[in-house]
Amino acid sequence: MSNASMPLPSSDRADVTARLREALLAADFTADGLLELLGAPAYTALARSETVPALRATRDDGPLASLVRLFLLQRAVPHARVADVLPVDALLESGWLVGAEGAEGAEKAGAAGAYGAGRADELRATVDVRPYGGPDGEDWFIVSDLGCAVGGAGGIGSRDEGVVLGVGGASTTLAGITVRTPAASALDVGTGSGIQALHASRHATRVTATDLNPRALHCTRLTLALSGAPEADLREGSLYEPVGDTTYDLIVSNPPFVISPGARLTYRDGGMGGDDLCRSIVQEAGERLNEGGYAQFLANWQHVEGEEWTERVRSWVPRGCDAWIVQREVQDVTQYAELWLRDAGDHRTDPAEYAARYDAWLDEFEARKTRGVGFGWITLRKSGAAEPSVTVEEWTHPVEQPLGETVQAFFGRQDYLRAHDDAALLAEHFKLADGVVQEQIGLPGAEDPEHVVLRQHRGMRRATQVDTVGAGFAGVCDGTLSAGRILDAIAQLMGEDAVLLRDRTPAQIRLLVEQGFLEPVGLEGQEMQ
């Protein structure tokens, strides 16, 4: 039976879902419980979709081992072992479990209730149920289709158009960068298995989730219920179409951003040409944001011959919005095509069929004069500023997740800098941000360093080169003296003209503030990373 044709568990049996959650927690089927049972190597291998270490670690007959094999490794487990842990009859009736020999019959019957017929010696799960630790220690569970979170390097294990994936690196990245301030309303566009809606339920009074795939909405409903989270307003349709002109305090989306020749897989292929889907979802967000609201996306964009990629994505920013766009990775078109061909398992097909699909991807890129594809984050903030701040940059180095507070602080600094001209900046007091160190680079034994670098050990973990004045200025910023007085003292020590130093230094101060190396004392309430 194909994954996307397998009937999903009933989503209107709250009593059964509550009993399942209670049983899972009682058996310590949680993120922490898995780590303790499997050990770090097998646990992290499972996150890479490699199952052999976890299979070896669950060879005993314990309750938790049985649940891991049933829901994560998707193996048949003896009825008696499952019955020791779970309310089997209720789960068979509502479609969470099926007799190991009953999958074919379920496809013919076309209903989850058919799973309850007869008694099987072994049982299988009908969905992947994956423990997921919330940011404050919540025990959550993500429900997705079978075969999409396990299977090793062979791909997702399904080529069904409507297959619903579980938690992946992109999902957790978006969850980590999202601003988590209290919100009256939040919108998750293209919710998939519901992880973003689940996170939003912690800090948003009203959560709406949309998806073109009704199967995804069903999985989201199960994810929220099994995680003990409030229900969300689930709406079927493409992008913003299901919500009309409604506005929100927060919009998040891990959309089908893959730039592909056609729309084979709903979860990844948007069906629009090139990067048009990503452009559309970003451009149309502005009119659906409340004042001060955030919209945060993962996206891909084309690197087109004769065009700067920075200008391409800059043109996507809607009016009235500040933006911070970070390119995290760039792949040439062959790397990109191979990545997504493997994702769909096409490399396991007939070599001629694989070659034809590969050709189709390259034909698409050639027709669009695309030489590479960028991947990154796009954050909008509805500021209504007459001159919005738009920052487009490339940062491929490791960062410290979660970054939600870092993102919020970044936009706070944009407001600050916009409100302070150079004269006002020099009258301000600054403090060196926590976690900043200075590195001096030069030849061994040289009297003076060739370069001075300030480096962060938190947040974006940036590094920036400064001159002698910049290094000296940052080193004495403890909030007691104004920037102007510090520069006057530096001018006296260096024998420079104080007026000229005041004229040329504000640009460097602005950069250090923008990147979070210096914290304006008036903004101490925000975490300046």
Protein backbone atom coordinates (compact mmCIF):
# COMPACT_ATOMS: atom_id res chain seq x y z
CA MET A 1 0.00 0.00 0.00
CA SER A 2 1.32 3.47 -0.84
CA ASN A 3 1.79 5.85 2.06
CA ALA A 4 -0.57 8.53 0.77
CA SER A 5 -3.38 6.02 0.18
CA MET A 6 -3.12 4.46 3.65
CA PRO A 7 -6.14 5.63 5.70
CA LEU A 8 -5.08 7.91 8.54
CA PRO A 9 -6.21 7.47 12.13
CA SER A 10 -9.49 9.06 13.05
CA SER A 11 -9.09 12.69 14.08
CA ASP A 12 -12.45 12.94 15.86
CA ARG A 13 -11.75 10.42 18.62
CA ALA A 14 -10.36 12.76 21.26
CA ASP A 15 -10.86 10.10 23.92
CA VAL A 16 -8.65 7.60 22.10
CA THR A 17 -6.00 10.21 21.30
CA ALA A 18 -5.87 11.24 24.96
CA ARG A 19 -5.47 7.60 26.05
CA LEU A 20 -2.68 7.10 23.49
CA ARG A 21 -0.85 10.19 24.72
CA GLU A 22 -1.16 9.03 28.32
CA ALA A 23 0.21 5.59 27.43
CA LEU A 24 3.13 7.00 25.44
CA LEU A 25 4.13 9.28 28.29
CA ALA A 26 3.78 6.49 30.84
CA ALA A 27 6.25 4.39 28.81
CA ASP A 28 8.64 7.38 28.56
CA PHE A 29 8.19 7.51 24.77
CA THR A 30 9.62 11.04 24.76
CA ALA A 31 12.66 12.76 23.28
CA ASP A 32 14.54 12.35 26.56
CA GLY A 33 13.38 8.76 26.95
CA LEU A 34 14.59 7.88 23.45
CA LEU A 35 17.99 9.43 24.10
CA GLU A 36 18.39 7.39 27.27
CA LEU A 37 17.26 4.14 25.63
CA LEU A 38 19.10 4.42 22.33
CA GLY A 39 22.20 6.32 23.39
CA ALA A 40 23.50 9.41 21.63
CA PRO A 41 25.00 7.71 18.53
CA ALA A 42 21.84 5.72 17.68
CA TYR A 43 19.60 8.68 18.55
CA THR A 44 21.43 11.06 16.26
CA ALA A 45 21.61 8.39 13.55
CA LEU A 46 17.82 8.16 13.72
CA ALA A 47 17.65 11.91 13.13
CA ARG A 48 19.63 11.24 9.94
CA SER A 49 17.02 8.61 8.96
CA GLU A 50 19.44 5.75 9.64
CA THR A 51 17.66 2.97 11.52
CA VAL A 52 20.18 0.15 11.98
CA PRO A 53 21.71 1.47 15.25
CA ALA A 54 18.22 1.99 16.73
CA LEU A 55 17.16 -1.51 15.69
CA ARG A 56 20.17 -2.95 17.50
CA ALA A 57 19.40 -0.85 20.59
CA THR A 58 15.79 -2.09 20.77
CA ARG A 59 16.36 -5.83 20.65
CA ASP A 60 15.12 -6.25 24.21
CA ASP A 61 11.42 -6.74 24.98
CA GLY A 62 10.87 -3.64 27.08
CA PRO A 63 7.78 -1.41 26.62
CA LEU A 64 9.75 1.56 25.31
CA ALA A 65 11.71 -0.61 22.87
CA SER A 66 8.42 -1.99 21.52
CA LEU A 67 7.06 1.52 20.95
CA VAL A 68 10.24 2.61 19.17
CA ARG A 69 10.02 -0.35 16.82
CA LEU A 70 6.31 0.19 16.26
CA PHE A 71 6.11 3.95 15.64
CA LEU A 72 9.62 5.02 14.67
CA LEU A 73 11.21 2.01 13.02
CA GLN A 74 7.85 0.86 11.64
CA ARG A 75 8.35 -2.82 12.29
CA ALA A 76 5.74 -5.43 13.16
CA VAL A 77 5.55 -6.00 16.92
CA PRO A 78 3.86 -8.96 18.65
CA HIS A 79 0.31 -8.18 19.73
CA ALA A 80 1.01 -9.19 23.34
CA ARG A 81 3.92 -6.74 23.68
CA VAL A 82 1.86 -3.86 22.31
CA ALA A 83 -1.11 -4.73 24.51
CA ASP A 84 1.13 -4.42 27.56
CA VAL A 85 1.71 -0.75 26.73
CA LEU A 86 -1.16 0.60 24.62
CA PRO A 87 -4.98 0.37 24.52
CA VAL A 88 -4.83 -1.90 21.50
CA ASP A 89 -8.54 -2.42 20.81
CA ALA A 90 -9.26 1.32 20.79
CA LEU A 91 -6.23 2.03 18.60
CA LEU A 92 -7.22 -0.68 16.12
CA GLU A 93 -10.76 0.66 15.94
CA SER A 94 -9.65 4.27 15.42
CA GLY A 95 -6.94 3.37 12.92
CA TRP A 96 -3.68 4.06 14.76
CA LEU A 97 -2.75 0.37 14.50
CA VAL A 98 -3.37 -2.40 11.98
CA GLY A 99 -2.78 -6.12 11.97
CA ALA A 100 0.53 -6.85 10.30
CA GLU A 101 -1.24 -8.91 7.64
CA GLY A 102 -4.11 -6.44 7.30
CA ALA A 103 -2.58 -3.59 5.30
CA GLU A 104 -3.70 -4.99 1.95
CA GLY A 105 -7.20 -5.49 3.26
CA ALA A 106 -7.28 -1.95 4.60
CA GLU A 107 -6.48 -0.56 1.17
CA LYS A 108 -9.38 -2.49 -0.33
CA ALA A 109 -11.74 -1.48 2.46
CA GLY A 110 -10.65 2.12 2.27
CA ALA A 111 -11.55 2.85 5.87
CA ALA A 112 -9.62 2.98 9.14
CA GLY A 113 -12.35 0.96 10.83
CA ALA A 114 -11.40 -2.06 8.74
CA TYR A 115 -8.24 -2.38 10.86
CA GLY A 116 -10.25 -3.70 13.78
CA ALA A 117 -11.41 -6.88 12.05
CA GLY A 118 -10.07 -10.02 13.71
CA ARG A 119 -7.08 -10.41 15.97
CA ALA A 120 -3.58 -10.28 14.52
CA ASP A 121 -0.53 -11.95 16.04
CA GLU A 122 1.53 -8.86 15.12
CA LEU A 123 0.65 -5.20 14.83
CA ARG A 124 1.95 -2.29 12.81
CA ALA A 125 1.50 1.46 13.12
CA THR A 126 -0.38 3.27 10.36
CA VAL A 127 1.51 6.54 10.89
CA ASP A 128 4.91 7.69 12.08
CA VAL A 129 4.64 9.11 15.61
CA ARG A 130 7.84 10.92 16.58
CA PRO A 131 8.55 12.34 20.04
CA TYR A 132 9.59 15.98 19.83
CA GLY A 133 10.77 18.07 22.75
CA GLY A 134 9.22 21.54 22.98
CA PRO A 135 11.34 24.59 23.89
CA ASP A 136 10.19 24.55 27.52
CA GLY A 137 10.42 20.81 27.95
CA GLU A 138 7.00 19.97 26.52
CA ASP A 139 6.50 16.39 25.39
CA TRP A 140 5.10 16.69 21.88
CA PHE A 141 4.49 14.14 19.11
CA ILE A 142 4.67 14.78 15.36
CA VAL A 143 2.41 12.60 13.22
CA SER A 144 3.36 11.96 9.58
CA ASP A 145 3.17 9.31 6.89
CA LEU A 146 5.04 6.03 7.21
CA GLY A 147 8.43 5.74 5.59
CA CYS A 148 9.11 9.46 5.47
CA ALA A 149 11.35 9.79 8.48
CA VAL A 150 13.16 6.45 8.26
CA GLY A 151 14.85 4.46 5.54
CA GLY A 152 18.44 5.59 5.41
CA ALA A 153 20.03 7.17 2.39
CA GLY A 154 17.42 5.82 0.02
CA GLY A 155 15.20 8.91 0.10
CA ILE A 156 11.86 9.53 1.75
CA GLY A 157 10.55 6.09 0.88
CA SER A 158 7.50 7.33 -0.98
CA ARG A 159 6.84 8.96 -4.35
CA ASP A 160 3.17 9.66 -3.62
CA GLU A 161 2.17 13.19 -4.56
CA GLY A 162 0.35 13.83 -1.27
CA VAL A 163 2.82 12.24 1.12
CA VAL A 164 3.20 14.09 4.45
CA LEU A 165 6.69 14.39 5.91
CA GLY A 166 7.60 14.59 9.59
CA VAL A 167 10.24 16.69 11.30
CA GLY A 168 13.28 17.61 9.23
CA GLY A 169 16.17 20.02 9.41
CA ALA A 170 14.23 22.74 7.57
CA SER A 171 11.31 22.44 10.01
CA THR A 172 13.50 22.81 13.08
CA THR A 173 15.47 25.66 11.50
CA LEU A 174 12.32 27.69 10.92
CA ALA A 175 11.02 26.90 14.41
CA GLY A 176 14.33 28.08 15.84
CA ILE A 177 14.48 31.45 14.06
CA THR A 178 10.84 32.39 14.69
CA VAL A 179 10.14 35.32 17.00
CA ARG A 180 8.19 33.98 20.00
CA THR A 181 6.58 37.08 21.48
CA PRO A 182 2.93 36.78 22.62
CA ALA A 183 0.59 37.18 19.64
CA ALA A 184 -3.15 37.42 19.22
CA SER A 185 -3.03 35.55 15.92
CA ALA A 186 -0.60 33.37 13.98
CA LEU A 187 -0.77 31.80 10.50
CA ASP A 188 1.15 28.71 9.39
CA VAL A 189 1.12 28.54 5.57
CA GLY A 190 1.72 25.02 4.22
CA THR A 191 1.55 23.40 7.63
CA GLY A 192 2.51 19.84 6.61
CA SER A 193 2.60 17.71 9.74
CA GLY A 194 1.93 20.77 11.91
CA ILE A 195 5.20 21.47 13.69
CA GLN A 196 5.07 25.26 13.15
CA ALA A 197 1.42 25.43 14.25
CA LEU A 198 2.38 23.42 17.32
CA HIS A 199 5.11 25.90 18.27
CA ALA A 200 2.79 28.85 17.59
CA SER A 201 0.16 27.39 19.92
CA ARG A 202 2.45 28.22 22.88
CA HIS A 203 2.37 31.99 22.35
CA ALA A 204 -0.49 32.80 19.97
CA THR A 205 -4.09 33.03 21.14
CA ARG A 206 -5.45 32.00 17.74
CA VAL A 207 -3.58 29.72 15.31
CA THR A 208 -4.63 29.20 11.70
CA ALA A 209 -2.92 26.60 9.51
CA THR A 210 -3.39 26.12 5.78
CA ASP A 211 -2.31 23.47 3.31
CA LEU A 212 -3.18 22.49 -0.23
CA ASN A 213 -3.02 18.85 0.84
CA PRO A 214 -6.01 17.67 2.94
CA ARG A 215 -3.92 14.76 4.18
CA ALA A 216 -1.47 17.26 5.70
CA LEU A 217 -4.28 19.04 7.53
CA HIS A 218 -5.40 15.68 8.93
CA CYS A 219 -1.87 14.99 10.19
CA THR A 220 -1.68 18.46 11.73
CA ARG A 221 -4.92 17.84 13.61
CA LEU A 222 -3.48 14.57 14.96
CA THR A 223 -0.16 16.23 15.86
CA LEU A 224 -1.87 18.95 17.89
CA ALA A 225 -4.24 16.55 19.64
CA LEU A 226 -1.58 13.95 20.47
CA SER A 227 0.70 16.73 21.77
CA GLY A 228 -2.00 18.05 24.09
CA ALA A 229 -2.04 21.40 22.28
CA PRO A 230 -5.12 23.56 21.58
CA GLU A 231 -6.97 22.96 18.33
CA ALA A 232 -6.11 25.19 15.38
CA ASP A 233 -8.27 26.63 12.62
CA LEU A 234 -7.31 24.32 9.72
CA ARG A 235 -8.13 25.47 6.19
CA GLU A 236 -7.54 23.75 2.86
CA GLY A 237 -6.17 25.72 -0.07
CA SER A 238 -3.08 27.20 -1.70
CA LEU A 239 -0.92 29.73 0.15
CA TYR A 240 -3.05 32.65 1.44
CA GLU A 241 -6.18 31.80 -0.54
CA PRO A 242 -7.98 30.10 2.41
CA VAL A 243 -7.62 33.14 4.71
CA GLY A 244 -8.58 35.93 2.31
CA ASP A 245 -7.70 39.38 3.63
CA THR A 246 -7.39 38.38 7.30
CA THR A 247 -4.31 39.85 8.98
CA TYR A 248 -2.02 38.28 11.58
CA ASP A 249 0.63 39.16 14.12
CA LEU A 250 2.84 36.28 12.95
CA ILE A 251 3.07 34.41 9.66
CA VAL A 252 5.41 31.44 9.29
CA SER A 253 5.97 29.12 6.37
CA ASN A 254 8.26 26.32 5.34
CA PRO A 255 6.72 26.34 1.85
CA PRO A 256 7.25 23.95 -1.09
CA PHE A 257 10.26 26.02 -2.11
CA VAL A 258 12.08 23.53 -4.32
CA ILE A 259 12.81 24.91 -7.79
CA SER A 260 11.88 21.91 -9.93
CA PRO A 261 10.54 21.03 -13.40
CA GLY A 262 6.94 20.30 -12.45
CA ALA A 263 4.95 19.54 -9.31
CA ARG A 264 5.48 15.88 -8.46
CA LEU A 265 5.49 16.08 -4.67
CA THR A 266 3.13 18.50 -2.93
CA TYR A 267 5.30 18.95 0.16
CA ARG A 268 8.26 20.30 -1.81
CA ASP A 269 7.27 21.30 -5.39
CA GLY A 270 5.19 24.45 -5.53
CA GLY A 271 4.07 24.04 -9.12
CA MET A 272 5.12 27.57 -10.14
CA GLY A 273 8.00 28.38 -12.44
CA GLY A 274 11.44 28.92 -10.94
CA ASP A 275 11.33 30.70 -7.59
CA ASP A 276 7.94 32.34 -8.26
CA LEU A 277 6.25 30.57 -5.35
CA CYS A 278 8.77 31.93 -2.85
CA ARG A 279 8.50 35.40 -4.39
CA SER A 280 4.71 35.27 -4.19
CA ILE A 281 4.49 34.13 -0.60
CA VAL A 282 6.92 36.86 0.51
CA GLN A 283 5.41 39.67 -1.54
CA GLU A 284 1.85 38.88 -0.48
CA ALA A 285 2.70 38.67 3.23
CA GLY A 286 2.92 42.42 3.73
CA GLU A 287 -0.79 43.06 3.29
CA ARG A 288 -1.64 40.25 5.73
CA LEU A 289 0.56 41.45 8.59
CA ASN A 290 -0.65 43.59 11.44
CA GLU A 291 1.49 46.60 12.38
CA GLY A 292 4.61 45.34 14.15
CA GLY A 293 3.95 41.77 13.01
CA TYR A 294 6.54 39.33 11.70
CA ALA A 295 6.52 37.02 8.68
CA GLN A 296 9.25 34.38 8.59
CA PHE A 297 10.01 31.99 5.74
CA LEU A 298 12.47 29.47 4.45
CA ALA A 299 13.07 29.96 0.73
CA ASN A 300 15.10 29.08 -2.34
CA TRP A 301 16.04 31.65 -4.97
CA GLN A 302 17.70 31.48 -8.35
CA HIS A 303 21.16 32.81 -9.10
CA VAL A 304 20.55 34.01 -12.63
CA GLU A 305 23.24 34.87 -15.17
CA GLY A 306 23.74 38.65 -15.39
CA GLU A 307 21.75 39.38 -12.21
CA GLU A 308 22.82 39.94 -8.61
CA TRP A 309 20.97 37.51 -6.35
CA THR A 310 20.81 40.16 -3.65
CA GLU A 311 18.80 42.46 -5.91
CA ARG A 312 16.53 39.59 -6.91
CA VAL A 313 15.43 38.78 -3.37
CA ARG A 314 15.44 42.44 -2.34
CA SER A 315 12.75 43.05 -4.96
CA TRP A 316 10.49 40.55 -3.16
CA VAL A 317 10.17 42.69 -0.02
CA PRO A 318 6.66 44.21 0.24
CA ARG A 319 6.06 47.87 0.94
CA GLY A 320 5.95 48.97 4.54
CA CYS A 321 8.12 46.09 5.74
CA ASP A 322 11.63 45.95 7.08
CA ALA A 323 13.45 42.79 5.99
CA TRP A 324 16.40 40.64 6.97
CA ILE A 325 17.36 38.10 4.31
CA VAL A 326 20.16 35.63 5.04
CA GLN A 327 21.58 33.29 2.42
CA ARG A 328 22.84 30.21 4.25
CA GLU A 329 23.96 28.02 1.33
CA VAL A 330 24.43 28.05 -2.45
CA GLN A 331 24.49 24.99 -4.69
CA ASP A 332 25.30 24.79 -8.35
CA VAL A 333 22.50 23.40 -10.50
CA THR A 334 23.96 19.87 -10.67
CA GLN A 335 24.29 19.62 -6.87
CA TYR A 336 20.78 20.96 -6.46
CA ALA A 337 19.23 18.56 -8.96
CA GLU A 338 21.02 15.57 -7.43
CA LEU A 339 19.89 16.55 -3.91
CA TRP A 340 16.21 16.53 -4.81
CA LEU A 341 16.43 13.52 -7.10
CA ARG A 342 17.80 11.59 -4.14
CA ASP A 343 15.13 13.07 -1.90
CA ALA A 344 12.44 11.50 -4.08
CA GLY A 345 14.32 8.20 -4.36
CA ASP A 346 14.82 8.69 -8.12
CA HIS A 347 18.38 7.40 -7.87
CA ARG A 348 16.92 3.98 -7.09
CA THR A 349 14.91 3.83 -10.32
CA ASP A 350 15.96 2.58 -13.74
CA PRO A 351 19.16 4.39 -14.79
CA ALA A 352 17.57 5.62 -18.01
CA GLU A 353 14.60 7.05 -16.09
CA TYR A 354 16.96 8.73 -13.61
CA ALA A 355 18.99 10.25 -16.45
CA ALA A 356 15.82 11.56 -18.10
CA ARG A 357 14.68 13.23 -14.89
CA TYR A 358 18.15 14.70 -14.34
CA ASP A 359 18.09 16.09 -17.89
CA ALA A 360 14.69 17.66 -17.24
CA TRP A 361 16.04 19.55 -14.22
CA LEU A 362 19.04 20.83 -16.15
CA ASP A 363 16.85 21.82 -19.10
CA GLU A 364 14.70 23.88 -16.73
CA PHE A 365 17.71 25.66 -15.25
CA GLU A 366 19.23 26.30 -18.68
CA ALA A 367 16.00 27.80 -19.98
CA ARG A 368 15.93 30.19 -17.00
CA LYS A 369 19.67 31.00 -17.22
CA THR A 370 20.03 29.72 -13.66
CA ARG A 371 23.59 28.98 -12.56
CA GLY A 372 22.93 28.18 -8.92
CA VAL A 373 20.29 28.13 -6.20
CA GLY A 374 20.47 29.88 -2.85
CA PHE A 375 18.80 28.71 0.34
CA GLY A 376 18.11 30.83 3.36
CA TRP A 377 15.79 32.69 5.71
CA ILE A 378 13.58 35.67 5.02
CA THR A 379 12.11 37.69 7.88
CA LEU A 380 9.74 40.61 7.38
CA ARG A 381 8.60 43.03 10.06
CA LYS A 382 5.66 45.34 9.34
CA SER A 383 7.13 48.67 10.41
CA GLY A 384 5.31 51.16 8.21
CA ALA A 385 8.56 53.13 8.04
CA ALA A 386 8.89 55.76 5.32
CA GLU A 387 12.32 54.32 4.53
CA PRO A 388 12.22 50.60 5.36
CA SER A 389 15.42 48.82 6.36
CA VAL A 390 16.28 45.91 4.04
CA THR A 391 19.37 43.86 4.86
CA VAL A 392 20.45 41.12 2.44
CA GLU A 393 23.55 39.17 3.37
CA GLU A 394 25.31 35.83 3.09
CA TRP A 395 26.21 34.04 6.30
CA THR A 396 27.17 30.38 5.85
CA HIS A 397 28.82 29.88 9.23
CA PRO A 398 27.34 28.03 12.24
CA VAL A 399 24.85 29.93 14.40
CA GLU A 400 23.43 29.35 17.86
CA GLN A 401 19.79 28.22 17.77
CA PRO A 402 17.23 29.25 18.82
CA LEU A 403 17.57 32.64 17.13
CA GLY A 404 14.13 34.13 17.73
CA GLU A 405 15.40 36.66 20.28
CA THR A 406 18.33 37.48 18.01
CA VAL A 407 15.95 38.19 15.13
CA GLN A 408 13.76 40.39 17.29
CA ALA A 409 16.78 42.28 18.61
CA PHE A 410 18.05 42.83 15.06
CA PHE A 411 14.88 44.69 14.10
CA GLY A 412 14.98 46.63 17.36
CA ARG A 413 18.43 47.87 16.40
CA GLN A 414 17.14 48.88 12.96
CA ASP A 415 14.51 51.07 14.65
CA TYR A 416 17.18 52.54 16.89
CA LEU A 417 19.59 53.38 14.08
CA ARG A 418 16.80 54.83 11.94
CA ALA A 419 15.91 57.20 14.78
CA HIS A 420 19.47 58.41 15.44
CA ASP A 421 21.50 60.56 13.07
CA ASP A 422 25.26 60.77 13.53
CA ALA A 423 25.07 63.60 16.08
CA ALA A 424 22.51 61.71 18.16
CA LEU A 425 24.58 58.53 17.89
CA LEU A 426 27.66 60.26 19.33
CA ALA A 427 25.60 61.46 22.29
CA GLU A 428 24.53 57.91 23.14
CA HIS A 429 26.08 55.43 25.59
CA PHE A 430 26.97 51.89 24.52
CA LYS A 431 28.01 48.61 26.11
CA LEU A 432 29.98 45.79 24.56
CA ALA A 433 27.53 42.90 24.04
CA ASP A 434 27.99 39.71 26.04
CA GLY A 435 30.08 37.00 24.42
CA VAL A 436 32.23 39.31 22.24
CA VAL A 437 35.98 38.73 22.14
CA GLN A 438 38.82 40.41 20.26
CA GLU A 439 41.29 38.56 18.07
CA GLN A 440 44.53 40.08 16.77
CA ILE A 441 45.91 38.63 13.57
CA GLY A 442 49.42 39.20 12.34
CA LEU A 443 52.85 37.69 11.85
CA PRO A 444 54.52 36.24 14.95
CA GLY A 445 56.69 38.83 16.67
CA ALA A 446 55.23 41.78 14.77
CA GLU A 447 54.83 44.93 16.87
CA ASP A 448 51.31 45.68 15.61
CA PRO A 449 48.62 43.29 14.38
CA GLU A 450 47.67 43.33 10.70
CA HIS A 451 43.99 42.90 11.55
CA VAL A 452 41.81 43.20 14.60
CA VAL A 453 38.66 41.07 14.57
CA LEU A 454 35.70 41.21 16.93
CA ARG A 455 33.95 37.86 17.24
CA GLN A 456 30.63 36.84 18.82
CA HIS A 457 30.16 33.54 20.60
CA ARG A 458 26.38 33.77 20.70
CA GLY A 459 23.51 34.31 18.27
CA MET A 460 24.75 34.68 14.71
CA ARG A 461 28.36 34.23 15.89
CA ARG A 462 29.54 37.00 13.61
CA ALA A 463 33.07 38.20 13.10
CA THR A 464 33.94 41.65 11.81
CA GLN A 465 37.22 43.39 11.14
CA VAL A 466 37.77 46.76 12.82
CA ASP A 467 40.51 49.35 12.72
CA THR A 468 42.49 50.53 15.74
CA VAL A 469 39.92 53.17 16.60
CA GLY A 470 37.03 50.69 16.34
CA ALA A 471 38.80 48.15 18.53
CA GLY A 472 39.70 50.78 21.12
CA PHE A 473 36.19 52.21 21.08
CA ALA A 474 34.52 48.82 21.57
CA GLY A 475 36.97 47.88 24.31
CA VAL A 476 36.04 50.80 26.58
CA CYS A 477 32.28 50.79 25.97
CA ASP A 478 30.84 50.02 29.40
CA GLY A 479 27.92 52.45 29.32
CA THR A 480 29.51 55.16 31.46
CA LEU A 481 30.76 57.54 28.74
CA SER A 482 29.04 58.81 25.62
CA ALA A 483 30.40 57.73 22.24
CA GLY A 484 31.58 61.29 21.54
CA ARG A 485 33.57 61.53 24.76
CA ILE A 486 35.20 58.17 24.10
CA LEU A 487 36.26 59.32 20.63
CA ASP A 488 37.66 62.56 22.05
CA ALA A 489 39.79 60.54 24.47
CA ILE A 490 40.97 58.22 21.68
CA ALA A 491 41.87 61.26 19.53
CA GLN A 492 43.97 62.70 22.34
CA LEU A 493 45.78 59.40 22.89
CA MET A 494 46.49 58.94 19.17
CA GLY A 495 47.32 62.56 18.46
CA GLU A 496 44.47 62.86 15.95
CA ASP A 497 42.07 65.68 15.24
CA ALA A 498 38.98 65.03 17.41
CA VAL A 499 36.61 66.69 14.93
CA LEU A 500 37.82 64.55 12.04
CA LEU A 501 37.59 61.42 14.17
CA ARG A 502 34.00 62.28 15.13
CA ASP A 503 33.20 62.72 11.43
CA ARG A 504 34.56 59.42 10.18
CA THR A 505 33.73 57.01 13.03
CA PRO A 506 29.89 56.97 13.19
CA ALA A 507 29.69 54.64 10.17
CA GLN A 508 31.79 52.06 12.00
CA ILE A 509 29.71 52.48 15.16
CA ARG A 510 26.53 51.95 13.15
CA LEU A 511 27.86 48.71 11.72
CA LEU A 512 28.87 47.43 15.17
CA VAL A 513 25.41 48.28 16.53
CA GLU A 514 23.59 46.76 13.54
CA GLN A 515 25.52 43.51 13.82
CA GLY A 516 25.03 43.32 17.57
CA PHE A 517 28.58 43.90 18.82
CA LEU A 518 27.57 47.09 20.63
CA GLU A 519 24.38 47.45 22.66
CA PRO A 520 22.81 50.89 23.11
CA VAL A 521 22.27 51.32 26.84
CA GLY A 522 18.70 52.47 26.18
CA LEU A 523 17.89 49.07 24.65
CA GLU A 524 19.19 46.93 27.50
CA GLY A 525 15.81 45.27 27.80
CA GLN A 526 16.35 43.50 24.48
CA GLU A 527 18.92 40.78 23.99
CA MET A 528 21.47 42.26 21.61
CA GLN A 529 23.24 39.32 20.00
